[in-house]
Amino acid sequence: MARDQHMTARDPGNVVNLRPFVDPLTAPTVVMIDLQQEYVAPPRRMAVPDATEALVHCRRVLAHARTMGFPVAFMKWVTRAPFFNAATRFSQWIDGFSPLGTEMVFERELPSCFASHDFASVMDEGAGGNIVLAGFAGESACLSTVIDAYHRGHRVTFLTDASASHALDAFTAPNVHQMLSKVLGLYGGVATTAEWINATTQWPSVSDIGAAAEPYGVE
C-alpha cells in the first residue's frame, strides 16, 4: 500500500496533459512539401508565381509546429531530370526551411508524398491520423498527396494559403489554386494557416510539458 501511495502521490504542477498525445486523431504530423529552390528560381519553368506570400505562411506553420512540439516531416522531390535534379542547387532547401536534426526527411521521384515508401510506411503505421500539408506545388504534389491520403484512410488538412499553384493554360495561378482548394475539400479538410494555428493553440506546448497547473484526466 505504501508503494501505491508513493506512486500516485504527485505534485499537480508536474502532471502533463496527455490527451493530445494519446489520441492519434488529434496529434498532427505537419508535412512541409518540396520547399526547394526550384520553386523560387524564376525564370526557370517550375518557379511558382505566388511563392513569396505562401512562404510567409509556411514559416508560421513551421514555427507553430516546432513551438508545440508536433512531429514535422520534410518532403523533397529529387529527380534525374532537368528540374529538381539532385546534382543542382535547385533541389536544395529554400533558405530558412532546412529541417532540424529531430525532424523527418523523405525523398521521392513522383508527385505524391506517398511515392516515398518510407513516408508511406510512417503514415500507415500511425502518423497519418492527422496529416497537415503545406508547400508546393498545389496542383501537383499537394493534390496527389491529399487524394492518396484519402484512399489510404488518412485524415488530412491542406493549408491553402501556405501553398501556391502554377498557371494552367488559360487559367491564372490564383484561379488554379482557388479551384484546387475547392477540389481538395472533397478529400480532406481545407483551412488557412491562421485557422489551423488557432485550432491547435490550446494544446500544451513543449515549454508547458511537466508544468501543467492541474491534472487532466484522460477519458
N, C-alpha and C. Protein backbone atom coordinates (compact mmCIF):
# COMPACT_ATOMS: atom_id res chain seq x y z
N MET A 1 0.84 -1.20 0.00
CA MET A 1 0.00 0.00 0.00
C MET A 1 0.87 1.25 0.00
N ALA A 2 1.92 1.22 0.82
CA ALA A 2 2.80 2.38 0.87
C ALA A 2 3.40 2.65 -0.49
N ARG A 3 3.73 1.55 -1.20
CA ARG A 3 4.32 1.73 -2.53
C ARG A 3 3.31 2.37 -3.47
N ASP A 4 2.02 1.95 -3.38
CA ASP A 4 0.99 2.52 -4.23
C ASP A 4 0.78 4.00 -3.94
N GLN A 5 0.83 4.35 -2.65
CA GLN A 5 0.67 5.74 -2.28
C GLN A 5 1.80 6.58 -2.84
N HIS A 6 3.00 6.00 -2.80
CA HIS A 6 4.16 6.73 -3.33
C HIS A 6 4.02 6.95 -4.84
N MET A 7 3.48 5.95 -5.54
CA MET A 7 3.37 6.03 -6.99
C MET A 7 2.30 7.02 -7.42
N THR A 8 1.25 7.20 -6.61
CA THR A 8 0.12 8.03 -7.03
C THR A 8 0.14 9.43 -6.43
N ALA A 9 0.97 9.65 -5.43
CA ALA A 9 1.04 10.97 -4.82
C ALA A 9 1.92 11.86 -5.70
N ARG A 10 1.29 12.78 -6.41
CA ARG A 10 2.04 13.58 -7.38
C ARG A 10 1.77 15.07 -7.19
N ASP A 11 2.73 15.82 -7.50
CA ASP A 11 2.59 17.28 -7.48
C ASP A 11 1.79 17.68 -8.71
N PRO A 12 0.61 18.31 -8.56
CA PRO A 12 -0.18 18.70 -9.73
C PRO A 12 0.60 19.54 -10.72
N GLY A 13 1.62 20.24 -10.25
CA GLY A 13 2.40 21.06 -11.15
C GLY A 13 3.26 20.27 -12.11
N ASN A 14 3.38 18.95 -11.88
CA ASN A 14 4.20 18.12 -12.74
C ASN A 14 3.37 17.16 -13.59
N VAL A 15 2.05 17.33 -13.61
CA VAL A 15 1.19 16.44 -14.38
C VAL A 15 1.03 16.98 -15.79
N VAL A 16 1.24 16.11 -16.78
CA VAL A 16 1.18 16.51 -18.18
C VAL A 16 -0.21 16.25 -18.74
N ASN A 17 -0.71 17.16 -19.54
CA ASN A 17 -1.96 16.96 -20.26
C ASN A 17 -1.68 15.94 -21.37
N LEU A 18 -2.14 14.71 -21.18
CA LEU A 18 -1.81 13.63 -22.12
C LEU A 18 -2.77 13.50 -23.29
N ARG A 19 -3.92 14.15 -23.23
CA ARG A 19 -4.93 13.92 -24.26
C ARG A 19 -4.40 14.06 -25.69
N PRO A 20 -3.70 15.14 -26.03
CA PRO A 20 -3.23 15.25 -27.42
C PRO A 20 -2.22 14.19 -27.82
N PHE A 21 -1.58 13.56 -26.81
CA PHE A 21 -0.53 12.61 -27.14
C PHE A 21 -1.04 11.18 -27.21
N VAL A 22 -2.15 10.87 -26.53
CA VAL A 22 -2.68 9.50 -26.55
C VAL A 22 -3.74 9.33 -27.62
N ASP A 23 -4.29 10.39 -28.14
CA ASP A 23 -5.31 10.30 -29.19
C ASP A 23 -4.65 10.58 -30.53
N PRO A 24 -4.45 9.54 -31.37
CA PRO A 24 -3.74 9.74 -32.63
C PRO A 24 -4.48 10.64 -33.61
N LEU A 25 -5.79 10.83 -33.40
CA LEU A 25 -6.54 11.67 -34.31
C LEU A 25 -6.36 13.16 -34.00
N THR A 26 -5.75 13.47 -32.85
CA THR A 26 -5.58 14.88 -32.50
C THR A 26 -4.16 15.38 -32.71
N ALA A 27 -3.18 14.49 -32.67
CA ALA A 27 -1.79 14.92 -32.81
C ALA A 27 -1.41 15.02 -34.28
N PRO A 28 -1.20 16.22 -34.80
CA PRO A 28 -0.91 16.36 -36.24
C PRO A 28 0.54 16.05 -36.58
N THR A 29 0.72 15.48 -37.75
CA THR A 29 2.04 15.39 -38.36
C THR A 29 2.08 16.44 -39.46
N VAL A 30 2.93 17.44 -39.30
CA VAL A 30 3.00 18.55 -40.24
C VAL A 30 3.99 18.20 -41.35
N VAL A 31 3.49 18.18 -42.58
CA VAL A 31 4.31 17.79 -43.71
C VAL A 31 4.59 19.02 -44.58
N MET A 32 5.85 19.40 -44.66
CA MET A 32 6.27 20.53 -45.48
C MET A 32 6.75 19.98 -46.83
N ILE A 33 6.00 20.26 -47.88
CA ILE A 33 6.25 19.62 -49.17
C ILE A 33 7.11 20.49 -50.09
N ASP A 34 8.23 19.94 -50.50
CA ASP A 34 9.05 20.49 -51.58
C ASP A 34 9.38 21.98 -51.43
N LEU A 35 9.82 22.37 -50.27
CA LEU A 35 10.25 23.77 -50.08
C LEU A 35 11.68 23.90 -50.61
N GLN A 36 11.78 23.81 -51.93
CA GLN A 36 13.06 23.73 -52.62
C GLN A 36 13.29 24.92 -53.54
N GLN A 37 14.55 25.18 -53.82
CA GLN A 37 14.95 26.34 -54.62
C GLN A 37 14.29 26.37 -56.01
N GLU A 38 13.99 25.22 -56.55
CA GLU A 38 13.39 25.16 -57.89
C GLU A 38 12.14 26.01 -58.01
N TYR A 39 11.39 26.09 -56.92
CA TYR A 39 10.11 26.80 -56.95
C TYR A 39 10.24 28.32 -56.78
N VAL A 40 11.43 28.78 -56.44
CA VAL A 40 11.63 30.23 -56.24
C VAL A 40 12.79 30.72 -57.10
N ALA A 41 12.92 30.15 -58.29
CA ALA A 41 14.06 30.49 -59.16
C ALA A 41 13.59 30.90 -60.55
N PRO A 42 12.83 32.01 -60.65
CA PRO A 42 12.46 32.48 -61.99
C PRO A 42 13.72 32.96 -62.73
N PRO A 43 13.75 32.83 -64.06
CA PRO A 43 12.64 32.45 -64.93
C PRO A 43 12.54 30.95 -65.19
N ARG A 44 13.14 30.11 -64.35
CA ARG A 44 13.01 28.68 -64.56
C ARG A 44 11.54 28.28 -64.56
N ARG A 45 11.20 27.31 -65.38
CA ARG A 45 9.82 26.98 -65.68
C ARG A 45 9.00 26.56 -64.46
N MET A 46 9.64 25.95 -63.46
CA MET A 46 8.90 25.44 -62.31
C MET A 46 8.69 26.48 -61.21
N ALA A 47 9.21 27.70 -61.40
CA ALA A 47 9.01 28.75 -60.40
C ALA A 47 7.53 29.03 -60.21
N VAL A 48 7.11 29.15 -58.96
CA VAL A 48 5.70 29.40 -58.63
C VAL A 48 5.47 30.91 -58.48
N PRO A 49 4.51 31.47 -59.21
CA PRO A 49 4.30 32.93 -59.19
C PRO A 49 4.03 33.52 -57.80
N ASP A 50 3.25 32.81 -56.98
CA ASP A 50 2.86 33.34 -55.68
C ASP A 50 3.62 32.69 -54.53
N ALA A 51 4.83 32.26 -54.79
CA ALA A 51 5.60 31.54 -53.78
C ALA A 51 5.94 32.41 -52.57
N THR A 52 6.24 33.67 -52.80
CA THR A 52 6.69 34.54 -51.70
C THR A 52 5.65 34.64 -50.60
N GLU A 53 4.40 34.91 -50.97
CA GLU A 53 3.34 35.03 -49.98
C GLU A 53 3.09 33.69 -49.29
N ALA A 54 3.11 32.61 -50.05
CA ALA A 54 2.89 31.29 -49.45
C ALA A 54 3.98 30.95 -48.44
N LEU A 55 5.20 31.35 -48.72
CA LEU A 55 6.31 31.05 -47.82
C LEU A 55 6.18 31.78 -46.48
N VAL A 56 5.56 32.95 -46.50
CA VAL A 56 5.31 33.66 -45.24
C VAL A 56 4.46 32.79 -44.33
N HIS A 57 3.44 32.17 -44.91
CA HIS A 57 2.56 31.31 -44.12
C HIS A 57 3.25 29.99 -43.77
N CYS A 58 4.08 29.47 -44.66
CA CYS A 58 4.84 28.26 -44.35
C CYS A 58 5.73 28.49 -43.13
N ARG A 59 6.32 29.66 -43.02
CA ARG A 59 7.17 29.97 -41.87
C ARG A 59 6.34 29.96 -40.58
N ARG A 60 5.12 30.48 -40.65
CA ARG A 60 4.24 30.48 -39.48
C ARG A 60 3.86 29.06 -39.10
N VAL A 61 3.55 28.25 -40.10
CA VAL A 61 3.19 26.86 -39.85
C VAL A 61 4.34 26.13 -39.16
N LEU A 62 5.54 26.28 -39.70
CA LEU A 62 6.70 25.59 -39.17
C LEU A 62 7.04 26.07 -37.76
N ALA A 63 6.98 27.37 -37.56
CA ALA A 63 7.29 27.92 -36.23
C ALA A 63 6.29 27.42 -35.19
N HIS A 64 5.02 27.38 -35.56
CA HIS A 64 3.99 26.91 -34.63
C HIS A 64 4.18 25.43 -34.32
N ALA A 65 4.44 24.63 -35.36
CA ALA A 65 4.63 23.20 -35.16
C ALA A 65 5.81 22.93 -34.22
N ARG A 66 6.90 23.68 -34.40
CA ARG A 66 8.08 23.48 -33.54
C ARG A 66 7.81 23.95 -32.12
N THR A 67 7.09 25.04 -31.96
CA THR A 67 6.75 25.53 -30.63
C THR A 67 5.89 24.53 -29.87
N MET A 68 4.93 23.93 -30.59
CA MET A 68 4.01 22.99 -29.97
C MET A 68 4.59 21.59 -29.84
N GLY A 69 5.73 21.34 -30.50
CA GLY A 69 6.33 20.02 -30.42
C GLY A 69 5.67 18.98 -31.30
N PHE A 70 4.96 19.43 -32.36
CA PHE A 70 4.32 18.49 -33.27
C PHE A 70 5.37 17.80 -34.15
N PRO A 71 5.14 16.56 -34.53
CA PRO A 71 6.05 15.92 -35.49
C PRO A 71 6.06 16.69 -36.82
N VAL A 72 7.25 16.89 -37.36
CA VAL A 72 7.39 17.61 -38.63
C VAL A 72 8.14 16.72 -39.62
N ALA A 73 7.61 16.65 -40.83
CA ALA A 73 8.27 15.89 -41.89
C ALA A 73 8.52 16.80 -43.08
N PHE A 74 9.72 16.76 -43.62
CA PHE A 74 10.06 17.50 -44.83
C PHE A 74 10.13 16.52 -45.99
N MET A 75 9.43 16.86 -47.06
CA MET A 75 9.46 16.03 -48.26
C MET A 75 10.24 16.76 -49.35
N LYS A 76 11.10 16.03 -50.03
CA LYS A 76 11.90 16.61 -51.11
C LYS A 76 11.67 15.83 -52.39
N TRP A 77 11.48 16.57 -53.50
CA TRP A 77 11.32 15.97 -54.81
C TRP A 77 12.71 15.95 -55.47
N VAL A 78 13.22 14.77 -55.73
CA VAL A 78 14.55 14.61 -56.30
C VAL A 78 14.45 13.77 -57.57
N THR A 79 14.98 14.28 -58.68
CA THR A 79 14.89 13.57 -59.95
C THR A 79 16.24 13.57 -60.67
N ARG A 80 16.27 12.87 -61.79
CA ARG A 80 17.42 12.92 -62.70
C ARG A 80 17.07 13.70 -63.96
N ALA A 81 16.00 14.48 -63.86
CA ALA A 81 15.51 15.30 -64.97
C ALA A 81 16.11 16.71 -64.85
N PRO A 82 15.81 17.59 -65.81
CA PRO A 82 16.33 18.96 -65.74
C PRO A 82 15.87 19.73 -64.50
N PHE A 83 14.68 19.41 -63.99
CA PHE A 83 14.16 20.10 -62.81
C PHE A 83 14.26 19.20 -61.58
N PHE A 84 14.57 19.82 -60.44
CA PHE A 84 14.73 19.11 -59.16
C PHE A 84 15.86 18.07 -59.23
N ASN A 85 16.79 18.32 -60.10
CA ASN A 85 17.92 17.41 -60.24
C ASN A 85 18.81 17.47 -59.00
N ALA A 86 19.12 16.30 -58.45
CA ALA A 86 19.88 16.24 -57.20
C ALA A 86 21.28 16.84 -57.32
N ALA A 87 21.78 16.92 -58.55
CA ALA A 87 23.13 17.45 -58.76
C ALA A 87 23.17 18.97 -58.85
N THR A 88 22.00 19.62 -58.81
CA THR A 88 21.95 21.08 -58.92
C THR A 88 21.51 21.70 -57.62
N ARG A 89 21.77 23.00 -57.49
CA ARG A 89 21.36 23.71 -56.27
C ARG A 89 19.85 23.88 -56.19
N PHE A 90 19.15 23.68 -57.32
CA PHE A 90 17.71 23.91 -57.34
C PHE A 90 16.93 22.83 -56.58
N SER A 91 17.58 21.74 -56.26
CA SER A 91 16.92 20.71 -55.47
C SER A 91 17.09 20.96 -53.97
N GLN A 92 17.90 21.96 -53.62
CA GLN A 92 18.19 22.23 -52.21
C GLN A 92 17.06 23.01 -51.54
N TRP A 93 17.09 23.04 -50.22
CA TRP A 93 16.04 23.73 -49.46
C TRP A 93 16.07 25.24 -49.68
N ILE A 94 14.91 25.85 -49.65
CA ILE A 94 14.80 27.31 -49.65
C ILE A 94 15.40 27.81 -48.33
N ASP A 95 16.08 28.93 -48.38
CA ASP A 95 16.69 29.50 -47.17
C ASP A 95 15.66 29.64 -46.06
N GLY A 96 16.02 29.17 -44.88
CA GLY A 96 15.12 29.27 -43.74
C GLY A 96 14.22 28.07 -43.55
N PHE A 97 14.33 27.10 -44.46
CA PHE A 97 13.46 25.92 -44.37
C PHE A 97 14.25 24.62 -44.31
N SER A 98 15.40 24.65 -43.69
CA SER A 98 16.17 23.43 -43.51
C SER A 98 15.63 22.65 -42.31
N PRO A 99 15.50 21.35 -42.43
CA PRO A 99 14.99 20.54 -41.32
C PRO A 99 15.94 20.54 -40.12
N LEU A 100 15.37 20.43 -38.94
CA LEU A 100 16.17 20.23 -37.74
C LEU A 100 16.57 18.77 -37.66
N GLY A 101 17.54 18.48 -36.83
CA GLY A 101 18.00 17.10 -36.70
C GLY A 101 16.95 16.17 -36.14
N THR A 102 15.95 16.72 -35.46
CA THR A 102 14.88 15.91 -34.87
C THR A 102 13.69 15.74 -35.81
N GLU A 103 13.76 16.30 -37.00
CA GLU A 103 12.63 16.24 -37.93
C GLU A 103 12.88 15.22 -39.04
N MET A 104 11.78 14.66 -39.54
CA MET A 104 11.87 13.62 -40.57
C MET A 104 12.11 14.24 -41.94
N VAL A 105 12.88 13.54 -42.76
CA VAL A 105 13.16 13.97 -44.13
C VAL A 105 12.95 12.77 -45.06
N PHE A 106 12.17 13.00 -46.12
CA PHE A 106 11.89 11.95 -47.09
C PHE A 106 12.15 12.48 -48.50
N GLU A 107 12.45 11.58 -49.42
CA GLU A 107 12.64 11.94 -50.82
C GLU A 107 11.81 11.00 -51.70
N ARG A 108 11.38 11.52 -52.85
CA ARG A 108 10.68 10.67 -53.82
C ARG A 108 10.84 11.27 -55.20
N GLU A 109 10.48 10.51 -56.24
CA GLU A 109 10.65 10.95 -57.62
C GLU A 109 9.33 11.27 -58.31
N LEU A 110 8.20 10.96 -57.69
CA LEU A 110 6.88 11.21 -58.27
C LEU A 110 6.13 12.23 -57.41
N PRO A 111 5.06 12.84 -57.94
CA PRO A 111 4.40 13.94 -57.24
C PRO A 111 3.90 13.63 -55.83
N SER A 112 3.20 12.52 -55.64
CA SER A 112 2.63 12.24 -54.32
C SER A 112 3.70 11.93 -53.29
N CYS A 113 3.52 12.45 -52.08
CA CYS A 113 4.45 12.13 -51.00
C CYS A 113 4.46 10.62 -50.72
N PHE A 114 3.34 9.96 -51.01
CA PHE A 114 3.26 8.53 -50.76
C PHE A 114 4.06 7.71 -51.76
N ALA A 115 4.66 8.39 -52.74
CA ALA A 115 5.59 7.70 -53.64
C ALA A 115 6.87 7.33 -52.90
N SER A 116 7.10 7.96 -51.74
CA SER A 116 8.21 7.58 -50.88
C SER A 116 7.74 6.41 -50.02
N HIS A 117 8.39 5.26 -50.18
CA HIS A 117 8.00 4.07 -49.41
C HIS A 117 8.13 4.33 -47.92
N ASP A 118 9.21 5.01 -47.52
CA ASP A 118 9.42 5.28 -46.10
C ASP A 118 8.33 6.20 -45.54
N PHE A 119 7.97 7.24 -46.29
CA PHE A 119 6.90 8.14 -45.85
C PHE A 119 5.60 7.38 -45.71
N ALA A 120 5.26 6.58 -46.72
CA ALA A 120 4.02 5.81 -46.68
C ALA A 120 3.98 4.88 -45.47
N SER A 121 5.11 4.27 -45.17
CA SER A 121 5.17 3.35 -44.03
C SER A 121 4.94 4.09 -42.71
N VAL A 122 5.58 5.26 -42.57
CA VAL A 122 5.42 6.03 -41.34
C VAL A 122 3.97 6.47 -41.17
N MET A 123 3.35 6.95 -42.24
CA MET A 123 1.96 7.39 -42.16
C MET A 123 1.02 6.21 -41.89
N ASP A 124 1.24 5.11 -42.56
CA ASP A 124 0.36 3.95 -42.41
C ASP A 124 0.51 3.30 -41.04
N GLU A 125 1.65 3.50 -40.40
CA GLU A 125 1.88 2.89 -39.09
C GLU A 125 1.39 3.77 -37.94
N GLY A 126 0.69 4.84 -38.24
CA GLY A 126 0.09 5.62 -37.17
C GLY A 126 0.26 7.11 -37.24
N ALA A 127 1.26 7.60 -37.98
CA ALA A 127 1.48 9.05 -38.03
C ALA A 127 0.50 9.74 -38.97
N GLY A 128 -0.29 8.97 -39.72
CA GLY A 128 -1.21 9.56 -40.68
C GLY A 128 -2.60 9.83 -40.14
N GLY A 129 -2.76 9.78 -38.81
CA GLY A 129 -4.08 10.03 -38.25
C GLY A 129 -4.54 11.46 -38.42
N ASN A 130 -3.60 12.38 -38.57
CA ASN A 130 -3.95 13.80 -38.72
C ASN A 130 -2.79 14.48 -39.46
N ILE A 131 -2.80 14.40 -40.78
CA ILE A 131 -1.74 14.98 -41.61
C ILE A 131 -2.11 16.42 -41.96
N VAL A 132 -1.15 17.32 -41.80
CA VAL A 132 -1.34 18.72 -42.17
C VAL A 132 -0.32 19.06 -43.25
N LEU A 133 -0.80 19.54 -44.40
CA LEU A 133 0.07 19.78 -45.55
C LEU A 133 0.28 21.27 -45.82
N ALA A 134 1.53 21.61 -46.12
CA ALA A 134 1.88 22.95 -46.58
C ALA A 134 3.02 22.80 -47.58
N GLY A 135 3.08 23.69 -48.56
CA GLY A 135 4.18 23.63 -49.52
C GLY A 135 3.73 23.63 -50.96
N PHE A 136 4.62 23.18 -51.84
CA PHE A 136 4.43 23.31 -53.28
C PHE A 136 4.43 21.95 -53.97
N ALA A 137 3.94 21.92 -55.17
CA ALA A 137 3.02 22.89 -55.73
C ALA A 137 1.60 22.37 -55.52
N GLY A 138 0.68 23.29 -55.39
CA GLY A 138 -0.68 22.90 -55.07
C GLY A 138 -1.29 21.91 -56.05
N GLU A 139 -1.13 22.21 -57.35
CA GLU A 139 -1.83 21.41 -58.37
C GLU A 139 -1.15 20.08 -58.67
N SER A 140 0.03 19.85 -58.09
CA SER A 140 0.73 18.59 -58.37
C SER A 140 0.95 17.79 -57.09
N ALA A 141 1.99 18.12 -56.33
CA ALA A 141 2.32 17.33 -55.15
C ALA A 141 1.22 17.35 -54.10
N CYS A 142 0.66 18.53 -53.83
CA CYS A 142 -0.38 18.62 -52.79
C CYS A 142 -1.64 17.87 -53.21
N LEU A 143 -2.06 18.07 -54.44
CA LEU A 143 -3.26 17.40 -54.95
C LEU A 143 -3.12 15.89 -54.87
N SER A 144 -2.02 15.36 -55.42
CA SER A 144 -1.86 13.91 -55.45
C SER A 144 -1.69 13.33 -54.05
N THR A 145 -1.05 14.08 -53.15
CA THR A 145 -0.85 13.58 -51.79
C THR A 145 -2.16 13.51 -51.03
N VAL A 146 -2.99 14.53 -51.17
CA VAL A 146 -4.29 14.53 -50.48
C VAL A 146 -5.16 13.38 -50.97
N ILE A 147 -5.20 13.15 -52.26
CA ILE A 147 -6.03 12.05 -52.80
C ILE A 147 -5.47 10.70 -52.36
N ASP A 148 -4.15 10.55 -52.38
CA ASP A 148 -3.54 9.31 -51.89
C ASP A 148 -3.87 9.08 -50.41
N ALA A 149 -3.79 10.13 -49.63
CA ALA A 149 -4.09 10.02 -48.20
C ALA A 149 -5.54 9.58 -47.99
N TYR A 150 -6.43 10.14 -48.78
CA TYR A 150 -7.85 9.78 -48.69
C TYR A 150 -8.04 8.29 -48.99
N HIS A 151 -7.41 7.81 -50.04
CA HIS A 151 -7.54 6.41 -50.43
C HIS A 151 -6.97 5.47 -49.36
N ARG A 152 -5.99 5.95 -48.60
CA ARG A 152 -5.37 5.13 -47.56
C ARG A 152 -6.09 5.26 -46.22
N GLY A 153 -7.13 6.06 -46.17
CA GLY A 153 -7.90 6.21 -44.95
C GLY A 153 -7.31 7.17 -43.95
N HIS A 154 -6.45 8.09 -44.42
CA HIS A 154 -5.84 9.06 -43.52
C HIS A 154 -6.66 10.35 -43.48
N ARG A 155 -6.58 11.01 -42.36
CA ARG A 155 -7.21 12.32 -42.20
C ARG A 155 -6.17 13.37 -42.61
N VAL A 156 -6.54 14.31 -43.45
CA VAL A 156 -5.58 15.29 -43.95
C VAL A 156 -6.21 16.68 -44.00
N THR A 157 -5.40 17.69 -43.70
CA THR A 157 -5.82 19.08 -43.80
C THR A 157 -4.83 19.83 -44.68
N PHE A 158 -5.33 20.49 -45.70
CA PHE A 158 -4.50 21.27 -46.61
C PHE A 158 -4.58 22.74 -46.21
N LEU A 159 -3.41 23.35 -45.93
CA LEU A 159 -3.37 24.76 -45.56
C LEU A 159 -3.22 25.58 -46.84
N THR A 160 -4.33 26.08 -47.32
CA THR A 160 -4.40 26.64 -48.66
C THR A 160 -3.52 27.87 -48.86
N ASP A 161 -3.36 28.72 -47.84
CA ASP A 161 -2.54 29.92 -48.02
C ASP A 161 -1.06 29.65 -47.76
N ALA A 162 -0.73 28.44 -47.31
CA ALA A 162 0.66 28.05 -47.15
C ALA A 162 1.09 27.20 -48.34
N SER A 163 0.45 27.44 -49.47
CA SER A 163 0.75 26.73 -50.71
C SER A 163 0.44 27.66 -51.87
N ALA A 164 0.85 27.28 -53.06
CA ALA A 164 0.56 28.05 -54.26
C ALA A 164 0.66 27.11 -55.46
N SER A 165 0.02 27.51 -56.54
CA SER A 165 -0.04 26.66 -57.74
C SER A 165 0.48 27.38 -58.97
N HIS A 166 0.76 26.60 -60.00
CA HIS A 166 1.14 27.17 -61.29
C HIS A 166 -0.09 27.51 -62.11
N ALA A 167 0.08 28.38 -63.07
CA ALA A 167 -0.99 28.64 -64.05
C ALA A 167 -1.11 27.42 -64.96
N LEU A 168 -2.31 27.18 -65.44
CA LEU A 168 -2.57 26.07 -66.35
C LEU A 168 -3.33 26.58 -67.56
N ASP A 169 -2.68 26.55 -68.71
CA ASP A 169 -3.28 27.02 -69.96
C ASP A 169 -3.84 28.44 -69.77
N ALA A 170 -5.15 28.62 -69.96
CA ALA A 170 -5.74 29.96 -69.88
C ALA A 170 -6.07 30.37 -68.45
N PHE A 171 -5.87 29.48 -67.49
CA PHE A 171 -6.24 29.76 -66.10
C PHE A 171 -5.03 30.30 -65.34
N THR A 172 -5.21 31.43 -64.68
CA THR A 172 -4.12 32.05 -63.93
C THR A 172 -3.78 31.21 -62.70
N ALA A 173 -2.60 31.44 -62.16
CA ALA A 173 -2.17 30.70 -60.98
C ALA A 173 -3.13 30.87 -59.80
N PRO A 174 -3.59 32.10 -59.48
CA PRO A 174 -4.56 32.24 -58.38
C PRO A 174 -5.86 31.50 -58.64
N ASN A 175 -6.33 31.51 -59.90
CA ASN A 175 -7.57 30.81 -60.22
C ASN A 175 -7.40 29.30 -60.07
N VAL A 176 -6.26 28.79 -60.51
CA VAL A 176 -5.99 27.36 -60.37
C VAL A 176 -5.97 26.98 -58.89
N HIS A 177 -5.33 27.80 -58.08
CA HIS A 177 -5.20 27.47 -56.66
C HIS A 177 -6.55 27.56 -55.95
N GLN A 178 -7.35 28.52 -56.33
CA GLN A 178 -8.68 28.64 -55.74
C GLN A 178 -9.54 27.42 -56.06
N MET A 179 -9.52 26.99 -57.32
CA MET A 179 -10.29 25.82 -57.71
C MET A 179 -9.73 24.56 -57.06
N LEU A 180 -8.39 24.47 -56.99
CA LEU A 180 -7.76 23.33 -56.35
C LEU A 180 -8.24 23.17 -54.91
N SER A 181 -8.31 24.28 -54.19
CA SER A 181 -8.73 24.23 -52.79
C SER A 181 -10.15 23.70 -52.66
N LYS A 182 -11.00 24.05 -53.62
CA LYS A 182 -12.37 23.53 -53.62
C LYS A 182 -12.37 22.02 -53.85
N VAL A 183 -11.57 21.57 -54.81
CA VAL A 183 -11.49 20.15 -55.13
C VAL A 183 -10.95 19.35 -53.94
N LEU A 184 -9.90 19.86 -53.31
CA LEU A 184 -9.30 19.14 -52.19
C LEU A 184 -10.27 19.01 -51.02
N GLY A 185 -11.24 19.93 -50.94
CA GLY A 185 -12.24 19.83 -49.90
C GLY A 185 -13.11 18.59 -50.01
N LEU A 186 -13.07 17.94 -51.18
CA LEU A 186 -13.82 16.70 -51.36
C LEU A 186 -13.10 15.52 -50.71
N TYR A 187 -11.80 15.67 -50.46
CA TYR A 187 -11.00 14.56 -49.97
C TYR A 187 -10.41 14.79 -48.58
N GLY A 188 -10.54 15.99 -48.07
CA GLY A 188 -9.99 16.27 -46.76
C GLY A 188 -10.40 17.66 -46.30
N GLY A 189 -9.76 18.14 -45.25
CA GLY A 189 -10.05 19.47 -44.76
C GLY A 189 -9.21 20.51 -45.46
N VAL A 190 -9.76 21.70 -45.58
CA VAL A 190 -9.04 22.84 -46.15
C VAL A 190 -9.17 23.99 -45.17
N ALA A 191 -8.04 24.59 -44.80
CA ALA A 191 -8.06 25.67 -43.82
C ALA A 191 -6.96 26.67 -44.14
N THR A 192 -7.07 27.85 -43.56
CA THR A 192 -5.99 28.82 -43.65
C THR A 192 -5.00 28.55 -42.51
N THR A 193 -3.83 29.12 -42.63
CA THR A 193 -2.82 28.96 -41.59
C THR A 193 -3.34 29.49 -40.25
N ALA A 194 -3.97 30.65 -40.28
CA ALA A 194 -4.48 31.25 -39.04
C ALA A 194 -5.53 30.36 -38.39
N GLU A 195 -6.41 29.79 -39.19
CA GLU A 195 -7.45 28.91 -38.65
C GLU A 195 -6.84 27.69 -37.98
N TRP A 196 -5.82 27.10 -38.64
CA TRP A 196 -5.19 25.91 -38.07
C TRP A 196 -4.43 26.24 -36.79
N ILE A 197 -3.69 27.34 -36.80
CA ILE A 197 -2.96 27.73 -35.60
C ILE A 197 -3.92 27.99 -34.44
N ASN A 198 -5.00 28.71 -34.71
CA ASN A 198 -5.98 29.00 -33.66
C ASN A 198 -6.60 27.72 -33.10
N ALA A 199 -6.79 26.73 -33.97
CA ALA A 199 -7.42 25.48 -33.55
C ALA A 199 -6.49 24.59 -32.74
N THR A 200 -5.19 24.85 -32.79
CA THR A 200 -4.24 23.97 -32.10
C THR A 200 -3.45 24.67 -30.99
N THR A 201 -3.76 25.92 -30.72
CA THR A 201 -3.01 26.63 -29.68
C THR A 201 -3.41 26.20 -28.28
N GLN A 202 -4.53 25.50 -28.12
CA GLN A 202 -4.94 25.08 -26.78
C GLN A 202 -4.17 23.88 -26.29
N TRP A 203 -3.38 23.27 -27.15
CA TRP A 203 -2.60 22.11 -26.75
C TRP A 203 -1.37 22.56 -25.96
N PRO A 204 -0.85 21.69 -25.10
CA PRO A 204 0.36 22.07 -24.35
C PRO A 204 1.55 22.21 -25.28
N SER A 205 2.27 23.31 -25.15
CA SER A 205 3.49 23.49 -25.94
C SER A 205 4.64 22.74 -25.29
N VAL A 206 5.77 22.68 -25.98
CA VAL A 206 6.93 21.99 -25.44
C VAL A 206 7.32 22.55 -24.08
N SER A 207 7.26 23.88 -23.94
CA SER A 207 7.67 24.50 -22.69
C SER A 207 6.68 24.24 -21.56
N ASP A 208 5.45 23.81 -21.92
CA ASP A 208 4.44 23.53 -20.90
C ASP A 208 4.53 22.11 -20.34
N ILE A 209 5.23 21.22 -21.06
CA ILE A 209 5.28 19.82 -20.63
C ILE A 209 5.94 19.74 -19.26
N GLY A 210 5.25 19.10 -18.33
CA GLY A 210 5.75 18.98 -16.98
C GLY A 210 5.42 20.19 -16.12
N ALA A 211 4.67 21.16 -16.70
CA ALA A 211 4.37 22.37 -15.93
C ALA A 211 2.90 22.70 -16.00
N ALA A 212 2.03 21.73 -16.21
CA ALA A 212 0.59 21.99 -16.23
C ALA A 212 0.12 22.35 -14.83
N ALA A 213 -0.83 23.28 -14.76
CA ALA A 213 -1.28 23.76 -13.47
C ALA A 213 -2.11 22.71 -12.74
N GLU A 214 -2.91 21.90 -13.45
CA GLU A 214 -3.78 20.91 -12.84
C GLU A 214 -3.72 19.61 -13.62
N PRO A 215 -4.00 18.47 -12.95
CA PRO A 215 -4.05 17.22 -13.68
C PRO A 215 -5.20 17.21 -14.65
N TYR A 216 -5.03 16.53 -15.76
CA TYR A 216 -6.05 16.50 -16.80
C TYR A 216 -6.35 15.04 -17.08
N GLY A 217 -7.55 14.57 -16.69
CA GLY A 217 -7.91 13.18 -16.85
C GLY A 217 -8.05 12.79 -18.30
N VAL A 218 -7.64 11.59 -18.65
CA VAL A 218 -7.78 11.06 -20.00
C VAL A 218 -9.01 10.20 -20.04
N GLU A 219 -9.99 10.59 -20.81
CA GLU A 219 -11.23 9.82 -20.89
C GLU A 219 -11.04 8.58 -21.73
